[in-house]
Amino acid sequence: MLMKTLFMISLMCFMWWRKNIIMILLSMEMILTILFISISSTAYMNLSLNSMFMLIMMVVGSSIGISLMVAISRLQNSINSTTIWTLTFVENYNNNSFYSTYQK
C-alpha cells in the first residue's frame, strides 16, 4: 500500500512539474527507485541480479531524462537553451554538412 501511494505521488509530481526539468528528473528517479524496491522485494533474486536490474533502470531513466531535456529546450527558444542545442545531433550535423559543402 505504501509503495502504491509513493508511486502515485511521484507520478502526479511528474505530471505537475512538466515545465521544470529538474523536478521531472527527481520524480522519475523516485518512480524508478520505487519500482526497483517493489520488484526486488517480491522477486527472490540474488544481489548481483538486483544490482544489474537497478543499473539498467537508472540508465534507461537517464536516457529518458536527457531526451526530455533536449525536447524541452527545443520548445523554449532562449539563450539558456543554446548550450543544449549545440550538443544535439541536428546542430552538429548541420555544421558538418556546411563544412563539407564548403570544401567542395
PDB file of N, CA and C in Angstrom:
ATOM      1  N   MET A   1       0.820  -1.193   0.000  1.00  0.00           N
ATOM      2  CA  MET A   1       0.000   0.000   0.000  1.00  0.00           C
ATOM      3  C   MET A   1       0.866   1.260   0.000  1.00  0.00           C
ATOM      4  N   LEU A   2       1.934   1.233   0.784  1.00  0.00           N
ATOM      5  CA  LEU A   2       2.825   2.388   0.842  1.00  0.00           C
ATOM      6  C   LEU A   2       3.516   2.617  -0.498  1.00  0.00           C
ATOM      7  N   MET A   3       3.918   1.535  -1.158  1.00  0.00           N
ATOM      8  CA  MET A   3       4.577   1.670  -2.455  1.00  0.00           C
ATOM      9  C   MET A   3       3.632   2.241  -3.504  1.00  0.00           C
ATOM     10  N   LYS A   4       2.360   1.815  -3.472  1.00  0.00           N
ATOM     11  CA  LYS A   4       1.382   2.355  -4.412  1.00  0.00           C
ATOM     12  C   LYS A   4       1.176   3.844  -4.188  1.00  0.00           C
ATOM     13  N   THR A   5       1.107   4.242  -2.929  1.00  0.00           N
ATOM     14  CA  THR A   5       0.923   5.656  -2.605  1.00  0.00           C
ATOM     15  C   THR A   5       2.118   6.481  -3.062  1.00  0.00           C
ATOM     16  N   LEU A   6       3.317   6.003  -2.786  1.00  0.00           N
ATOM     17  CA  LEU A   6       4.512   6.716  -3.220  1.00  0.00           C
ATOM     18  C   LEU A   6       4.599   6.788  -4.742  1.00  0.00           C
ATOM     19  N   PHE A   7       4.222   5.711  -5.409  1.00  0.00           N
ATOM     20  CA  PHE A   7       4.244   5.702  -6.867  1.00  0.00           C
ATOM     21  C   PHE A   7       3.254   6.708  -7.437  1.00  0.00           C
ATOM     22  N   MET A   8       2.056   6.776  -6.866  1.00  0.00           N
ATOM     23  CA  MET A   8       1.055   7.732  -7.348  1.00  0.00           C
ATOM     24  C   MET A   8       1.491   9.171  -7.088  1.00  0.00           C
ATOM     25  N   ILE A   9       2.101   9.421  -5.938  1.00  0.00           N
ATOM     26  CA  ILE A   9       2.599  10.768  -5.644  1.00  0.00           C
ATOM     27  C   ILE A   9       3.695  11.148  -6.631  1.00  0.00           C
ATOM     28  N   SER A  10       4.587  10.234  -6.915  1.00  0.00           N
ATOM     29  CA  SER A  10       5.662  10.508  -7.874  1.00  0.00           C
ATOM     30  C   SER A  10       5.116  10.756  -9.270  1.00  0.00           C
ATOM     31  N   LEU A  11       4.122   9.987  -9.648  1.00  0.00           N
ATOM     32  CA  LEU A  11       3.521  10.162 -10.966  1.00  0.00           C
ATOM     33  C   LEU A  11       2.813  11.505 -11.076  1.00  0.00           C
ATOM     34  N   MET A  12       2.113  11.903 -10.018  1.00  0.00           N
ATOM     35  CA  MET A  12       1.451  13.209 -10.032  1.00  0.00           C
ATOM     36  C   MET A  12       2.470  14.339 -10.058  1.00  0.00           C
ATOM     37  N   CYS A  13       3.566  14.202  -9.323  1.00  0.00           N
ATOM     38  CA  CYS A  13       4.632  15.214  -9.363  1.00  0.00           C
ATOM     39  C   CYS A  13       5.258  15.282 -10.743  1.00  0.00           C
ATOM     40  N   PHE A  14       5.403  14.127 -11.376  1.00  0.00           N
ATOM     41  CA  PHE A  14       5.968  14.079 -12.723  1.00  0.00           C
ATOM     42  C   PHE A  14       5.109  14.876 -13.697  1.00  0.00           C
ATOM     43  N   MET A  15       3.776  14.759 -13.571  1.00  0.00           N
ATOM     44  CA  MET A  15       2.879  15.491 -14.458  1.00  0.00           C
ATOM     45  C   MET A  15       2.754  16.963 -14.062  1.00  0.00           C
ATOM     46  N   TRP A  16       2.824  17.250 -12.767  1.00  0.00           N
ATOM     47  CA  TRP A  16       2.642  18.615 -12.284  1.00  0.00           C
ATOM     48  C   TRP A  16       3.813  19.512 -12.684  1.00  0.00           C
ATOM     49  N   TRP A  17       5.035  18.997 -12.579  1.00  0.00           N
ATOM     50  CA  TRP A  17       6.230  19.794 -12.847  1.00  0.00           C
ATOM     51  C   TRP A  17       6.725  19.605 -14.270  1.00  0.00           C
ATOM     52  N   ARG A  18       5.840  19.544 -15.235  1.00  0.00           N
ATOM     53  CA  ARG A  18       6.259  19.238 -16.603  1.00  0.00           C
ATOM     54  C   ARG A  18       7.080  20.350 -17.251  1.00  0.00           C
ATOM     55  N   LYS A  19       7.093  21.560 -16.690  1.00  0.00           N
ATOM     56  CA  LYS A  19       7.902  22.647 -17.247  1.00  0.00           C
ATOM     57  C   LYS A  19       9.274  22.752 -16.588  1.00  0.00           C
ATOM     58  N   ASN A  20       9.472  22.088 -15.452  1.00  0.00           N
ATOM     59  CA  ASN A  20      10.734  22.184 -14.722  1.00  0.00           C
ATOM     60  C   ASN A  20      11.466  20.849 -14.841  1.00  0.00           C
ATOM     61  N   ILE A  21      12.562  20.839 -15.563  1.00  0.00           N
ATOM     62  CA  ILE A  21      13.248  19.582 -15.885  1.00  0.00           C
ATOM     63  C   ILE A  21      13.862  18.929 -14.656  1.00  0.00           C
ATOM     64  N   ILE A  22      14.338  19.706 -13.699  1.00  0.00           N
ATOM     65  CA  ILE A  22      14.953  19.126 -12.504  1.00  0.00           C
ATOM     66  C   ILE A  22      13.912  18.363 -11.688  1.00  0.00           C
ATOM     67  N   MET A  23      12.744  18.941 -11.520  1.00  0.00           N
ATOM     68  CA  MET A  23      11.690  18.254 -10.768  1.00  0.00           C
ATOM     69  C   MET A  23      11.185  17.022 -11.517  1.00  0.00           C
ATOM     70  N   ILE A  24      11.151  17.095 -12.838  1.00  0.00           N
ATOM     71  CA  ILE A  24      10.765  15.922 -13.621  1.00  0.00           C
ATOM     72  C   ILE A  24      11.755  14.787 -13.404  1.00  0.00           C
ATOM     73  N   LEU A  25      13.034  15.108 -13.457  1.00  0.00           N
ATOM     74  CA  LEU A  25      14.052  14.068 -13.284  1.00  0.00           C
ATOM     75  C   LEU A  25      14.039  13.493 -11.874  1.00  0.00           C
ATOM     76  N   LEU A  26      13.809  14.337 -10.870  1.00  0.00           N
ATOM     77  CA  LEU A  26      13.711  13.827  -9.499  1.00  0.00           C
ATOM     78  C   LEU A  26      12.495  12.927  -9.323  1.00  0.00           C
ATOM     79  N   SER A  27      11.371  13.314  -9.903  1.00  0.00           N
ATOM     80  CA  SER A  27      10.175  12.470  -9.829  1.00  0.00           C
ATOM     81  C   SER A  27      10.390  11.151 -10.549  1.00  0.00           C
ATOM     82  N   MET A  28      11.053  11.211 -11.696  1.00  0.00           N
ATOM     83  CA  MET A  28      11.315   9.982 -12.436  1.00  0.00           C
ATOM     84  C   MET A  28      12.280   9.073 -11.688  1.00  0.00           C
ATOM     85  N   GLU A  29      13.263   9.665 -11.036  1.00  0.00           N
ATOM     86  CA  GLU A  29      14.191   8.854 -10.247  1.00  0.00           C
ATOM     87  C   GLU A  29      13.482   8.206  -9.064  1.00  0.00           C
ATOM     88  N   MET A  30      12.561   8.927  -8.456  1.00  0.00           N
ATOM     89  CA  MET A  30      11.792   8.347  -7.353  1.00  0.00           C
ATOM     90  C   MET A  30      10.908   7.204  -7.850  1.00  0.00           C
ATOM     91  N   ILE A  31      10.310   7.367  -9.023  1.00  0.00           N
ATOM     92  CA  ILE A  31       9.493   6.297  -9.603  1.00  0.00           C
ATOM     93  C   ILE A  31      10.347   5.061  -9.869  1.00  0.00           C
ATOM     94  N   LEU A  32      11.530   5.255 -10.436  1.00  0.00           N
ATOM     95  CA  LEU A  32      12.408   4.114 -10.719  1.00  0.00           C
ATOM     96  C   LEU A  32      12.875   3.427  -9.446  1.00  0.00           C
ATOM     97  N   THR A  33      13.157   4.205  -8.410  1.00  0.00           N
ATOM     98  CA  THR A  33      13.572   3.613  -7.139  1.00  0.00           C
ATOM     99  C   THR A  33      12.436   2.813  -6.511  1.00  0.00           C
ATOM    100  N   ILE A  34      11.228   3.345  -6.568  1.00  0.00           N
ATOM    101  CA  ILE A  34      10.068   2.626  -6.022  1.00  0.00           C
ATOM    102  C   ILE A  34       9.824   1.339  -6.803  1.00  0.00           C
ATOM    103  N   LEU A  35       9.936   1.411  -8.133  1.00  0.00           N
ATOM    104  CA  LEU A  35       9.768   0.197  -8.932  1.00  0.00           C
ATOM    105  C   LEU A  35      10.827  -0.845  -8.602  1.00  0.00           C
ATOM    106  N   PHE A  36      12.055  -0.406  -8.424  1.00  0.00           N
ATOM    107  CA  PHE A  36      13.122  -1.344  -8.075  1.00  0.00           C
ATOM    108  C   PHE A  36      12.873  -1.984  -6.717  1.00  0.00           C
ATOM    109  N   ILE A  37      12.468  -1.197  -5.734  1.00  0.00           N
ATOM    110  CA  ILE A  37      12.213  -1.743  -4.397  1.00  0.00           C
ATOM    111  C   ILE A  37      11.059  -2.728  -4.429  1.00  0.00           C
ATOM    112  N   SER A  38      10.002  -2.390  -5.164  1.00  0.00           N
ATOM    113  CA  SER A  38       8.863  -3.308  -5.216  1.00  0.00           C
ATOM    114  C   SER A  38       9.201  -4.592  -5.964  1.00  0.00           C
ATOM    115  N   ILE A  39       9.981  -4.507  -7.029  1.00  0.00           N
ATOM    116  CA  ILE A  39      10.364  -5.713  -7.766  1.00  0.00           C
ATOM    117  C   ILE A  39      11.325  -6.569  -6.952  1.00  0.00           C
ATOM    118  N   SER A  40      12.286  -5.925  -6.299  1.00  0.00           N
ATOM    119  CA  SER A  40      13.264  -6.708  -5.535  1.00  0.00           C
ATOM    120  C   SER A  40      12.663  -7.313  -4.276  1.00  0.00           C
ATOM    121  N   SER A  41      11.615  -6.714  -3.739  1.00  0.00           N
ATOM    122  CA  SER A  41      11.004  -7.292  -2.540  1.00  0.00           C
ATOM    123  C   SER A  41      10.065  -8.443  -2.878  1.00  0.00           C
ATOM    124  N   THR A  42       9.492  -8.438  -4.079  1.00  0.00           N
ATOM    125  CA  THR A  42       8.577  -9.523  -4.438  1.00  0.00           C
ATOM    126  C   THR A  42       9.302 -10.692  -5.098  1.00  0.00           C
ATOM    127  N   ALA A  43      10.319 -10.406  -5.875  1.00  0.00           N
ATOM    128  CA  ALA A  43      11.044 -11.481  -6.562  1.00  0.00           C
ATOM    129  C   ALA A  43      12.223 -11.931  -5.702  1.00  0.00           C
ATOM    130  N   TYR A  44      12.457 -13.223  -5.699  1.00  0.00           N
ATOM    131  CA  TYR A  44      13.559 -13.770  -4.918  1.00  0.00           C
ATOM    132  C   TYR A  44      14.768 -13.957  -5.827  1.00  0.00           C
ATOM    133  N   MET A  45      15.479 -12.874  -6.050  1.00  0.00           N
ATOM    134  CA  MET A  45      16.673 -12.913  -6.892  1.00  0.00           C
ATOM    135  C   MET A  45      17.894 -12.659  -6.025  1.00  0.00           C
ATOM    136  N   ASN A  46      19.038 -13.006  -6.545  1.00  0.00           N
ATOM    137  CA  ASN A  46      20.250 -12.749  -5.774  1.00  0.00           C
ATOM    138  C   ASN A  46      20.655 -11.277  -5.897  1.00  0.00           C
ATOM    139  N   LEU A  47      21.634 -10.871  -5.123  1.00  0.00           N
ATOM    140  CA  LEU A  47      22.018  -9.465  -5.023  1.00  0.00           C
ATOM    141  C   LEU A  47      22.609  -8.929  -6.322  1.00  0.00           C
ATOM    142  N   SER A  48      23.406  -9.721  -7.004  1.00  0.00           N
ATOM    143  CA  SER A  48      24.029  -9.225  -8.242  1.00  0.00           C
ATOM    144  C   SER A  48      22.996  -8.993  -9.337  1.00  0.00           C
ATOM    145  N   LEU A  49      21.993  -9.846  -9.400  1.00  0.00           N
ATOM    146  CA  LEU A  49      20.942  -9.659 -10.397  1.00  0.00           C
ATOM    147  C   LEU A  49      20.110  -8.424 -10.073  1.00  0.00           C
ATOM    148  N   ASN A  50      19.835  -8.200  -8.787  1.00  0.00           N
ATOM    149  CA  ASN A  50      19.122  -6.990  -8.385  1.00  0.00           C
ATOM    150  C   ASN A  50      19.918  -5.738  -8.713  1.00  0.00           C
ATOM    151  N   SER A  51      21.211  -5.776  -8.480  1.00  0.00           N
ATOM    152  CA  SER A  51      22.057  -4.618  -8.784  1.00  0.00           C
ATOM    153  C   SER A  51      22.105  -4.351 -10.281  1.00  0.00           C
ATOM    154  N   MET A  52      22.172  -5.390 -11.075  1.00  0.00           N
ATOM    155  CA  MET A  52      22.178  -5.223 -12.525  1.00  0.00           C
ATOM    156  C   MET A  52      20.849  -4.648 -13.014  1.00  0.00           C
ATOM    157  N   PHE A  53      19.768  -5.109 -12.426  1.00  0.00           N
ATOM    158  CA  PHE A  53      18.452  -4.602 -12.793  1.00  0.00           C
ATOM    159  C   PHE A  53      18.324  -3.123 -12.437  1.00  0.00           C
ATOM    160  N   MET A  54      18.832  -2.731 -11.273  1.00  0.00           N
ATOM    161  CA  MET A  54      18.803  -1.327 -10.861  1.00  0.00           C
ATOM    162  C   MET A  54      19.656  -0.475 -11.797  1.00  0.00           C
ATOM    163  N   LEU A  55      20.793  -0.977 -12.209  1.00  0.00           N
ATOM    164  CA  LEU A  55      21.657  -0.247 -13.131  1.00  0.00           C
ATOM    165  C   LEU A  55      20.965  -0.025 -14.474  1.00  0.00           C
ATOM    166  N   ILE A  56      20.303  -1.051 -14.972  1.00  0.00           N
ATOM    167  CA  ILE A  56      19.586  -0.928 -16.243  1.00  0.00           C
ATOM    168  C   ILE A  56      18.470   0.098 -16.131  1.00  0.00           C
ATOM    169  N   MET A  57      17.728   0.057 -15.027  1.00  0.00           N
ATOM    170  CA  MET A  57      16.635   1.013 -14.856  1.00  0.00           C
ATOM    171  C   MET A  57      17.149   2.444 -14.760  1.00  0.00           C
ATOM    172  N   MET A  58      18.263   2.662 -14.094  1.00  0.00           N
ATOM    173  CA  MET A  58      18.807   4.013 -13.970  1.00  0.00           C
ATOM    174  C   MET A  58      19.356   4.527 -15.304  1.00  0.00           C
ATOM    175  N   VAL A  59      19.940   3.646 -16.105  1.00  0.00           N
ATOM    176  CA  VAL A  59      20.431   4.066 -17.419  1.00  0.00           C
ATOM    177  C   VAL A  59      19.268   4.451 -18.324  1.00  0.00           C
ATOM    178  N   VAL A  60      18.207   3.659 -18.285  1.00  0.00           N
ATOM    179  CA  VAL A  60      17.023   3.990 -19.076  1.00  0.00           C
ATOM    180  C   VAL A  60      16.428   5.314 -18.605  1.00  0.00           C
ATOM    181  N   GLY A  61      16.364   5.513 -17.302  1.00  0.00           N
ATOM    182  CA  GLY A  61      15.843   6.772 -16.769  1.00  0.00           C
ATOM    183  C   GLY A  61      16.686   7.965 -17.156  1.00  0.00           C
ATOM    184  N   SER A  62      17.988   7.801 -17.160  1.00  0.00           N
ATOM    185  CA  SER A  62      18.874   8.896 -17.578  1.00  0.00           C
ATOM    186  C   SER A  62      18.692   9.223 -19.051  1.00  0.00           C
ATOM    187  N   SER A  63      18.529   8.207 -19.871  1.00  0.00           N
ATOM    188  CA  SER A  63      18.314   8.447 -21.304  1.00  0.00           C
ATOM    189  C   SER A  63      17.010   9.180 -21.549  1.00  0.00           C
ATOM    190  N   ILE A  64      15.978   8.778 -20.837  1.00  0.00           N
ATOM    191  CA  ILE A  64      14.699   9.469 -20.978  1.00  0.00           C
ATOM    192  C   ILE A  64      14.816  10.907 -20.487  1.00  0.00           C
ATOM    193  N   GLY A  65      15.542  11.108 -19.392  1.00  0.00           N
ATOM    194  CA  GLY A  65      15.723  12.460 -18.862  1.00  0.00           C
ATOM    195  C   GLY A  65      16.472  13.367 -19.815  1.00  0.00           C
ATOM    196  N   ILE A  66      17.500  12.847 -20.449  1.00  0.00           N
ATOM    197  CA  ILE A  66      18.249  13.657 -21.414  1.00  0.00           C
ATOM    198  C   ILE A  66      17.386  13.981 -22.628  1.00  0.00           C
ATOM    199  N   SER A  67      16.612  13.019 -23.099  1.00  0.00           N
ATOM    200  CA  SER A  67      15.748  13.308 -24.247  1.00  0.00           C
ATOM    201  C   SER A  67      14.657  14.303 -23.882  1.00  0.00           C
ATOM    202  N   LEU A  68      14.137  14.231 -22.648  1.00  0.00           N
ATOM    203  CA  LEU A  68      13.174  15.239 -22.204  1.00  0.00           C
ATOM    204  C   LEU A  68      13.806  16.616 -22.130  1.00  0.00           C
ATOM    205  N   MET A  69      15.026  16.684 -21.641  1.00  0.00           N
ATOM    206  CA  MET A  69      15.702  17.966 -21.529  1.00  0.00           C
ATOM    207  C   MET A  69      15.932  18.587 -22.904  1.00  0.00           C
ATOM    208  N   VAL A  70      16.318  17.785 -23.875  1.00  0.00           N
ATOM    209  CA  VAL A  70      16.518  18.296 -25.229  1.00  0.00           C
ATOM    210  C   VAL A  70      15.190  18.734 -25.832  1.00  0.00           C
ATOM    211  N   ALA A  71      14.126  17.946 -25.608  1.00  0.00           N
ATOM    212  CA  ALA A  71      12.819  18.307 -26.159  1.00  0.00           C
ATOM    213  C   ALA A  71      12.300  19.607 -25.553  1.00  0.00           C
ATOM    214  N   ILE A  72      12.469  19.772 -24.251  1.00  0.00           N
ATOM    215  CA  ILE A  72      12.006  21.000 -23.611  1.00  0.00           C
ATOM    216  C   ILE A  72      12.838  22.187 -24.065  1.00  0.00           C
ATOM    217  N   SER A  73      14.122  22.000 -24.243  1.00  0.00           N
ATOM    218  CA  SER A  73      14.964  23.119 -24.677  1.00  0.00           C
ATOM    219  C   SER A  73      14.650  23.525 -26.110  1.00  0.00           C
ATOM    220  N   ARG A  74      14.195  22.600 -26.919  1.00  0.00           N
ATOM    221  CA  ARG A  74      13.808  22.967 -28.288  1.00  0.00           C
ATOM    222  C   ARG A  74      12.515  23.757 -28.300  1.00  0.00           C
ATOM    223  N   LEU A  75      11.636  23.491 -27.346  1.00  0.00           N
ATOM    224  CA  LEU A  75      10.387  24.243 -27.277  1.00  0.00           C
ATOM    225  C   LEU A  75      10.614  25.666 -26.802  1.00  0.00           C
ATOM    226  N   GLN A  76      11.603  25.869 -25.971  1.00  0.00           N
ATOM    227  CA  GLN A  76      11.884  27.193 -25.431  1.00  0.00           C
ATOM    228  C   GLN A  76      13.079  27.780 -26.170  1.00  0.00           C
ATOM    229  N   ASN A  77      12.838  28.770 -26.966  1.00  0.00           N
ATOM    230  CA  ASN A  77      13.924  29.411 -27.710  1.00  0.00           C
ATOM    231  C   ASN A  77      14.514  30.533 -26.870  1.00  0.00           C
ATOM    232  N   SER A  78      15.369  30.167 -25.952  1.00  0.00           N
ATOM    233  CA  SER A  78      16.010  31.167 -25.107  1.00  0.00           C
ATOM    234  C   SER A  78      17.518  31.020 -25.200  1.00  0.00           C
ATOM    235  N   ILE A  79      18.219  31.973 -24.634  1.00  0.00           N
ATOM    236  CA  ILE A  79      19.683  31.946 -24.651  1.00  0.00           C
ATOM    237  C   ILE A  79      20.204  30.797 -23.795  1.00  0.00           C
ATOM    238  N   ASN A  80      19.479  30.443 -22.738  1.00  0.00           N
ATOM    239  CA  ASN A  80      19.923  29.371 -21.850  1.00  0.00           C
ATOM    240  C   ASN A  80      19.893  28.007 -22.522  1.00  0.00           C
ATOM    241  N   SER A  81      19.087  27.838 -23.543  1.00  0.00           N
ATOM    242  CA  SER A  81      18.985  26.530 -24.193  1.00  0.00           C
ATOM    243  C   SER A  81      19.968  26.354 -25.341  1.00  0.00           C
ATOM    244  N   THR A  82      20.777  27.357 -25.645  1.00  0.00           N
ATOM    245  CA  THR A  82      21.727  27.206 -26.752  1.00  0.00           C
ATOM    246  C   THR A  82      22.815  26.189 -26.441  1.00  0.00           C
ATOM    247  N   THR A  83      23.153  26.023 -25.168  1.00  0.00           N
ATOM    248  CA  THR A  83      24.162  25.024 -24.803  1.00  0.00           C
ATOM    249  C   THR A  83      23.677  23.625 -25.134  1.00  0.00           C
ATOM    250  N   ILE A  84      22.422  23.358 -24.846  1.00  0.00           N
ATOM    251  CA  ILE A  84      21.860  22.039 -25.150  1.00  0.00           C
ATOM    252  C   ILE A  84      21.725  21.872 -26.661  1.00  0.00           C
ATOM    253  N   TRP A  85      21.372  22.947 -27.353  1.00  0.00           N
ATOM    254  CA  TRP A  85      21.250  22.879 -28.807  1.00  0.00           C
ATOM    255  C   TRP A  85      22.568  22.496 -29.460  1.00  0.00           C
ATOM    256  N   THR A  86      23.676  23.007 -28.940  1.00  0.00           N
ATOM    257  CA  THR A  86      24.963  22.702 -29.564  1.00  0.00           C
ATOM    258  C   THR A  86      25.386  21.259 -29.341  1.00  0.00           C
ATOM    259  N   LEU A  87      24.819  20.596 -28.346  1.00  0.00           N
ATOM    260  CA  LEU A  87      25.175  19.209 -28.068  1.00  0.00           C
ATOM    261  C   LEU A  87      24.328  18.205 -28.833  1.00  0.00           C
ATOM    262  N   THR A  88      23.278  18.658 -29.500  1.00  0.00           N
ATOM    263  CA  THR A  88      22.395  17.725 -30.196  1.00  0.00           C
ATOM    264  C   THR A  88      22.971  17.338 -31.541  1.00  0.00           C
ATOM    265  N   PHE A  89      22.471  16.240 -32.057  1.00  0.00           N
ATOM    266  CA  PHE A  89      22.962  15.706 -33.324  1.00  0.00           C
ATOM    267  C   PHE A  89      22.609  16.621 -34.486  1.00  0.00           C
ATOM    268  N   VAL A  90      21.445  17.236 -34.435  1.00  0.00           N
ATOM    269  CA  VAL A  90      20.990  18.059 -35.555  1.00  0.00           C
ATOM    270  C   VAL A  90      21.936  19.229 -35.770  1.00  0.00           C
ATOM    271  N   GLU A  91      22.310  19.887 -34.685  1.00  0.00           N
ATOM    272  CA  GLU A  91      23.203  21.038 -34.796  1.00  0.00           C
ATOM    273  C   GLU A  91      24.575  20.610 -35.316  1.00  0.00           C
ATOM    274  N   ASN A  92      25.097  19.512 -34.797  1.00  0.00           N
ATOM    275  CA  ASN A  92      26.400  19.030 -35.257  1.00  0.00           C
ATOM    276  C   ASN A  92      26.338  18.568 -36.707  1.00  0.00           C
ATOM    277  N   TYR A  93      25.229  17.957 -37.080  1.00  0.00           N
ATOM    278  CA  TYR A  93      25.073  17.508 -38.461  1.00  0.00           C
ATOM    279  C   TYR A  93      25.030  18.702 -39.407  1.00  0.00           C
ATOM    280  N   ASN A  94      24.306  19.744 -39.028  1.00  0.00           N
ATOM    281  CA  ASN A  94      24.239  20.928 -39.878  1.00  0.00           C
ATOM    282  C   ASN A  94      25.602  21.591 -40.014  1.00  0.00           C
ATOM    283  N   ASN A  95      26.366  21.638 -38.934  1.00  0.00           N
ATOM    284  CA  ASN A  95      27.703  22.224 -39.009  1.00  0.00           C
ATOM    285  C   ASN A  95      28.620  21.403 -39.902  1.00  0.00           C
ATOM    286  N   ASN A  96      28.549  20.078 -39.792  1.00  0.00           N
ATOM    287  CA  ASN A  96      29.393  19.218 -40.620  1.00  0.00           C
ATOM    288  C   ASN A  96      28.999  19.294 -42.088  1.00  0.00           C
ATOM    289  N   SER A  97      27.707  19.396 -42.370  1.00  0.00           N
ATOM    290  CA  SER A  97      27.291  19.491 -43.765  1.00  0.00           C
ATOM    291  C   SER A  97      27.721  20.826 -44.356  1.00  0.00           C
ATOM    292  N   PHE A  98      27.774  21.867 -43.531  1.00  0.00           N
ATOM    293  CA  PHE A  98      28.253  23.164 -44.001  1.00  0.00           C
ATOM    294  C   PHE A  98      29.723  23.077 -44.393  1.00  0.00           C
ATOM    295  N   TYR A  99      30.520  22.435 -43.546  1.00  0.00           N
ATOM    296  CA  TYR A  99      31.940  22.316 -43.843  1.00  0.00           C
ATOM    297  C   TYR A  99      32.186  21.436 -45.061  1.00  0.00           C
ATOM    298  N   SER A 100      31.389  20.391 -45.223  1.00  0.00           N
ATOM    299  CA  SER A 100      31.600  19.511 -46.370  1.00  0.00           C
ATOM    300  C   SER A 100      31.201  20.201 -47.669  1.00  0.00           C
ATOM    301  N   THR A 101      30.166  21.033 -47.659  1.00  0.00           N
ATOM    302  CA  THR A 101      29.797  21.754 -48.877  1.00  0.00           C
ATOM    303  C   THR A 101      30.785  22.875 -49.161  1.00  0.00           C
ATOM    304  N   TYR A 102      31.376  23.428 -48.116  1.00  0.00           N
ATOM    305  CA  TYR A 102      32.352  24.499 -48.296  1.00  0.00           C
ATOM    306  C   TYR A 102      33.638  23.971 -48.926  1.00  0.00           C
ATOM    307  N   GLN A 103      33.984  22.725 -48.597  1.00  0.00           N
ATOM    308  CA  GLN A 103      35.212  22.152 -49.128  1.00  0.00           C
ATOM    309  C   GLN A 103      35.074  21.737 -50.586  1.00  0.00           C
ATOM    310  N   LYS A 104      33.861  21.491 -51.038  1.00  0.00           N
ATOM    311  CA  LYS A 104      33.656  21.055 -52.432  1.00  0.00           C
ATOM    312  C   LYS A 104      33.853  22.209 -53.332  1.00  0.00           C
TER     313      LYS A 104
END
